[in-house]
N, C-alpha and C. Protein backbone atom coordinates (compact mmCIF):
# COMPACT_ATOMS: atom_id res chain seq x y z
N MET A 1 0.86 -1.14 0.01
CA MET A 1 0.04 -0.03 -0.10
C MET A 1 0.88 1.27 -0.06
N ASN A 2 0.53 2.15 -0.61
CA ASN A 2 1.22 3.52 -0.69
C ASN A 2 1.20 4.06 0.65
N LYS A 3 2.35 4.60 1.08
CA LYS A 3 2.52 5.11 2.44
C LYS A 3 1.84 6.43 2.53
N ASN A 4 1.56 7.18 1.40
CA ASN A 4 0.74 8.32 1.28
C ASN A 4 -0.81 8.25 1.28
N PHE A 5 -1.12 6.93 1.26
CA PHE A 5 -2.69 6.69 1.09
C PHE A 5 -3.24 6.89 2.48
N ILE A 6 -4.24 7.82 2.39
CA ILE A 6 -4.91 8.12 3.77
C ILE A 6 -6.48 7.59 3.56
N SER A 7 -6.82 6.67 4.39
CA SER A 7 -8.15 6.13 4.31
C SER A 7 -8.73 6.13 5.83
N PRO A 8 -9.96 6.75 5.91
CA PRO A 8 -10.51 6.69 7.26
C PRO A 8 -10.71 5.16 7.79
N MET A 9 -10.25 4.83 8.94
CA MET A 9 -10.35 3.59 9.44
C MET A 9 -11.38 3.47 10.62
N SER A 10 -12.00 2.37 10.67
CA SER A 10 -12.93 2.41 11.84
C SER A 10 -13.18 0.97 12.25
N ASP A 11 -13.17 0.79 13.61
CA ASP A 11 -13.70 -0.70 13.97
C ASP A 11 -14.99 -0.73 14.44
N ASP A 12 -15.82 0.38 14.17
CA ASP A 12 -17.16 0.37 14.56
C ASP A 12 -18.15 -0.49 13.72
N PHE A 13 -17.62 -0.80 12.54
CA PHE A 13 -18.44 -1.64 11.61
C PHE A 13 -17.50 -2.45 10.90
N ASP A 14 -18.11 -3.56 10.44
CA ASP A 14 -17.18 -4.54 9.65
C ASP A 14 -18.08 -4.84 8.31
N GLU A 15 -17.37 -4.80 7.30
CA GLU A 15 -17.97 -5.07 6.01
C GLU A 15 -18.58 -6.55 5.89
N PHE A 16 -17.95 -7.52 6.52
CA PHE A 16 -18.46 -8.85 6.44
C PHE A 16 -19.21 -9.21 7.63
N PRO A 17 -20.33 -9.93 7.54
CA PRO A 17 -21.05 -10.39 8.81
C PRO A 17 -20.28 -11.57 9.43
N GLU A 18 -20.47 -11.68 10.78
CA GLU A 18 -19.82 -12.77 11.42
C GLU A 18 -20.37 -14.02 10.96
N ILE A 19 -19.60 -15.12 10.78
CA ILE A 19 -20.10 -16.25 10.36
C ILE A 19 -20.32 -17.24 11.62
N SER A 20 -21.41 -17.83 11.65
CA SER A 20 -21.79 -18.78 12.82
C SER A 20 -21.60 -20.15 12.50
N GLN A 21 -21.61 -20.96 13.55
CA GLN A 21 -21.42 -22.44 13.20
C GLN A 21 -22.76 -23.05 12.49
N ALA A 22 -23.88 -22.26 12.77
CA ALA A 22 -25.05 -22.76 11.72
C ALA A 22 -24.90 -22.41 10.37
N ASP A 23 -24.19 -21.31 10.14
CA ASP A 23 -23.95 -20.99 8.80
C ASP A 23 -22.96 -22.00 8.01
N LEU A 24 -21.89 -22.50 8.72
CA LEU A 24 -21.06 -23.52 8.32
C LEU A 24 -21.76 -24.74 8.20
N ASN A 25 -22.83 -25.11 9.06
CA ASN A 25 -23.49 -26.47 8.98
C ASN A 25 -24.35 -26.40 7.71
N ASN A 26 -24.83 -25.29 7.33
CA ASN A 26 -25.80 -25.07 6.22
C ASN A 26 -24.95 -24.96 4.89
N SER A 27 -23.65 -24.74 4.93
CA SER A 27 -22.90 -24.47 3.76
C SER A 27 -22.66 -25.77 2.96
N ILE A 28 -22.37 -25.60 1.57
CA ILE A 28 -22.17 -26.71 0.69
C ILE A 28 -20.57 -26.61 0.41
N ARG A 29 -20.02 -27.81 0.44
CA ARG A 29 -18.63 -27.84 0.16
C ARG A 29 -18.61 -28.57 -1.34
N ARG A 30 -18.04 -27.70 -2.31
CA ARG A 30 -18.01 -28.20 -3.74
C ARG A 30 -16.63 -28.80 -3.96
N ARG A 31 -16.63 -29.93 -4.63
CA ARG A 31 -15.30 -30.57 -5.09
C ARG A 31 -15.51 -31.01 -6.59
N ASN A 32 -14.27 -31.19 -7.04
CA ASN A 32 -14.44 -31.81 -8.44
C ASN A 32 -15.11 -30.82 -9.45
N PHE A 33 -14.75 -29.62 -9.55
CA PHE A 33 -15.51 -28.59 -10.39
C PHE A 33 -15.28 -29.22 -11.83
N ALA A 34 -16.25 -29.16 -12.65
CA ALA A 34 -16.22 -29.60 -14.05
C ALA A 34 -15.36 -28.40 -14.82
N HIS A 35 -14.61 -28.89 -15.72
CA HIS A 35 -13.94 -27.93 -16.59
C HIS A 35 -15.06 -27.17 -17.39
N ILE A 36 -14.89 -25.91 -17.42
CA ILE A 36 -15.93 -25.18 -18.31
C ILE A 36 -15.06 -24.37 -19.28
N GLU A 37 -15.30 -24.59 -20.57
CA GLU A 37 -14.59 -23.89 -21.71
C GLU A 37 -14.84 -22.41 -21.53
N LYS A 38 -13.91 -21.52 -21.84
CA LYS A 38 -14.17 -20.09 -21.89
C LYS A 38 -14.76 -19.86 -23.14
N LYS A 39 -15.55 -18.88 -23.13
CA LYS A 39 -16.12 -18.23 -24.36
C LYS A 39 -15.13 -17.64 -25.22
N GLN A 40 -15.31 -17.68 -26.63
CA GLN A 40 -14.41 -17.10 -27.53
C GLN A 40 -15.11 -15.80 -28.07
N ASN A 41 -14.43 -14.70 -27.99
CA ASN A 41 -14.96 -13.41 -28.58
C ASN A 41 -14.83 -13.42 -30.15
N VAL A 42 -16.07 -13.18 -30.68
CA VAL A 42 -16.07 -13.04 -32.17
C VAL A 42 -16.73 -11.75 -32.68
N ASN A 43 -16.28 -11.17 -33.77
CA ASN A 43 -17.07 -10.07 -34.30
C ASN A 43 -18.13 -10.74 -35.30
N LEU A 44 -19.24 -10.33 -35.15
CA LEU A 44 -20.39 -11.03 -36.03
C LEU A 44 -21.26 -9.95 -36.49
N ALA A 45 -21.47 -9.79 -37.70
CA ALA A 45 -22.58 -8.77 -38.26
C ALA A 45 -23.85 -9.43 -38.34
N LEU A 46 -24.74 -8.76 -37.67
CA LEU A 46 -26.22 -9.25 -37.66
C LEU A 46 -27.18 -8.16 -38.07
N ASP A 47 -28.29 -8.50 -38.72
CA ASP A 47 -29.08 -7.55 -39.02
C ASP A 47 -29.80 -6.82 -37.74
N ALA A 48 -29.97 -5.48 -37.81
CA ALA A 48 -30.40 -4.72 -36.60
C ALA A 48 -31.65 -5.27 -36.10
N ASP A 49 -32.60 -5.69 -36.99
CA ASP A 49 -33.83 -6.09 -36.49
C ASP A 49 -33.73 -7.56 -35.78
N VAL A 50 -32.81 -8.23 -36.12
CA VAL A 50 -32.49 -9.48 -35.39
C VAL A 50 -32.01 -9.21 -33.94
N ILE A 51 -30.91 -8.19 -33.94
CA ILE A 51 -30.56 -7.86 -32.57
C ILE A 51 -31.55 -7.18 -31.72
N VAL A 52 -32.45 -6.45 -32.25
CA VAL A 52 -33.52 -5.85 -31.42
C VAL A 52 -34.55 -7.08 -30.86
N TRP A 53 -34.79 -8.01 -31.88
CA TRP A 53 -35.50 -9.17 -31.43
C TRP A 53 -34.92 -9.89 -30.22
N PHE A 54 -33.72 -10.17 -30.29
CA PHE A 54 -33.10 -10.89 -29.17
C PHE A 54 -32.89 -10.13 -27.95
N LYS A 55 -32.75 -8.77 -28.06
CA LYS A 55 -32.69 -7.94 -26.96
C LYS A 55 -34.09 -7.81 -26.21
N GLN A 56 -35.22 -7.82 -27.02
CA GLN A 56 -36.44 -7.86 -26.39
C GLN A 56 -36.81 -8.97 -25.80
N LYS A 57 -36.34 -10.25 -26.39
CA LYS A 57 -36.71 -11.57 -25.71
C LYS A 57 -35.80 -11.88 -24.55
N SER A 58 -34.72 -11.30 -24.50
CA SER A 58 -33.74 -11.87 -23.45
C SER A 58 -34.07 -11.26 -21.98
N GLY A 59 -34.51 -10.11 -21.91
CA GLY A 59 -34.86 -9.55 -20.68
C GLY A 59 -33.50 -9.29 -19.94
N ASP A 60 -33.51 -9.77 -18.67
CA ASP A 60 -32.31 -9.77 -17.83
C ASP A 60 -31.04 -10.67 -18.17
N GLU A 61 -31.42 -11.68 -18.93
CA GLU A 61 -30.50 -12.78 -19.15
C GLU A 61 -29.36 -12.19 -20.04
N GLY A 62 -29.64 -11.31 -20.91
CA GLY A 62 -28.55 -10.71 -21.81
C GLY A 62 -28.73 -11.43 -23.29
N PHE A 63 -28.76 -10.51 -24.30
CA PHE A 63 -29.15 -11.00 -25.58
C PHE A 63 -28.10 -11.95 -26.09
N GLN A 64 -26.71 -11.73 -25.80
CA GLN A 64 -25.59 -12.52 -26.34
C GLN A 64 -25.90 -13.97 -25.90
N SER A 65 -26.26 -14.03 -24.60
CA SER A 65 -26.56 -15.37 -24.10
C SER A 65 -27.68 -16.07 -24.77
N LEU A 66 -28.65 -15.38 -25.15
CA LEU A 66 -29.86 -15.96 -25.85
C LEU A 66 -29.57 -16.49 -27.29
N ILE A 67 -28.64 -15.53 -27.89
CA ILE A 67 -28.29 -15.83 -29.27
C ILE A 67 -27.41 -17.09 -29.10
N ASN A 68 -26.46 -17.36 -28.19
CA ASN A 68 -25.71 -18.47 -28.02
C ASN A 68 -26.52 -19.69 -27.75
N ALA A 69 -27.53 -19.70 -26.95
CA ALA A 69 -28.41 -20.68 -26.60
C ALA A 69 -29.17 -21.08 -27.95
N THR A 70 -29.67 -20.05 -28.50
CA THR A 70 -30.35 -20.46 -29.90
C THR A 70 -29.42 -21.09 -30.88
N LEU A 71 -28.32 -20.59 -31.01
CA LEU A 71 -27.45 -21.40 -31.98
C LEU A 71 -27.17 -22.78 -31.57
N ARG A 72 -26.94 -22.93 -30.17
CA ARG A 72 -26.69 -24.34 -29.66
C ARG A 72 -27.92 -25.23 -29.90
N GLU A 73 -29.00 -24.62 -29.72
CA GLU A 73 -30.30 -25.47 -30.03
C GLU A 73 -30.39 -25.77 -31.48
N ALA A 74 -30.09 -24.97 -32.35
CA ALA A 74 -30.08 -25.18 -33.77
C ALA A 74 -29.07 -26.34 -34.04
N ILE A 75 -28.09 -26.40 -33.49
CA ILE A 75 -26.97 -27.37 -33.76
C ILE A 75 -27.51 -28.81 -33.37
N VAL A 76 -28.13 -28.74 -32.09
CA VAL A 76 -28.73 -30.04 -31.60
C VAL A 76 -29.78 -30.61 -32.52
N ARG A 77 -30.71 -29.70 -32.94
CA ARG A 77 -31.82 -30.03 -33.81
C ARG A 77 -31.11 -30.71 -35.14
N LYS A 78 -30.19 -30.03 -35.69
CA LYS A 78 -29.55 -30.56 -36.89
C LYS A 78 -28.90 -31.79 -36.80
N ASN A 79 -28.09 -31.94 -35.71
CA ASN A 79 -27.17 -33.14 -35.58
C ASN A 79 -27.82 -34.18 -34.53
N GLY A 80 -28.82 -33.79 -33.90
CA GLY A 80 -29.47 -34.79 -32.98
C GLY A 80 -28.73 -34.83 -31.65
N GLU A 81 -27.69 -34.21 -31.36
CA GLU A 81 -26.96 -34.14 -30.12
C GLU A 81 -25.95 -33.12 -30.27
N TRP A 82 -25.36 -32.60 -29.21
CA TRP A 82 -24.21 -31.73 -29.24
C TRP A 82 -22.97 -32.38 -29.41
């Protein structure tokens, strides 16, 4: 940390709540995470009305995720499986 950095410090509050034994008992320990391929960025020219449609249908999910899911579904329909 920069020695010239000045930040107000206070012990009156903590950003993180205290964790109780009950919290630990209700927690889930995850092991052996499946490998997830990272998405690849591409530049793709789409018609404006297509983008508008996907944005309207996607809501909070995000239109790019909806386009990806739609393309994946088309592949499955065409090939029978992924």
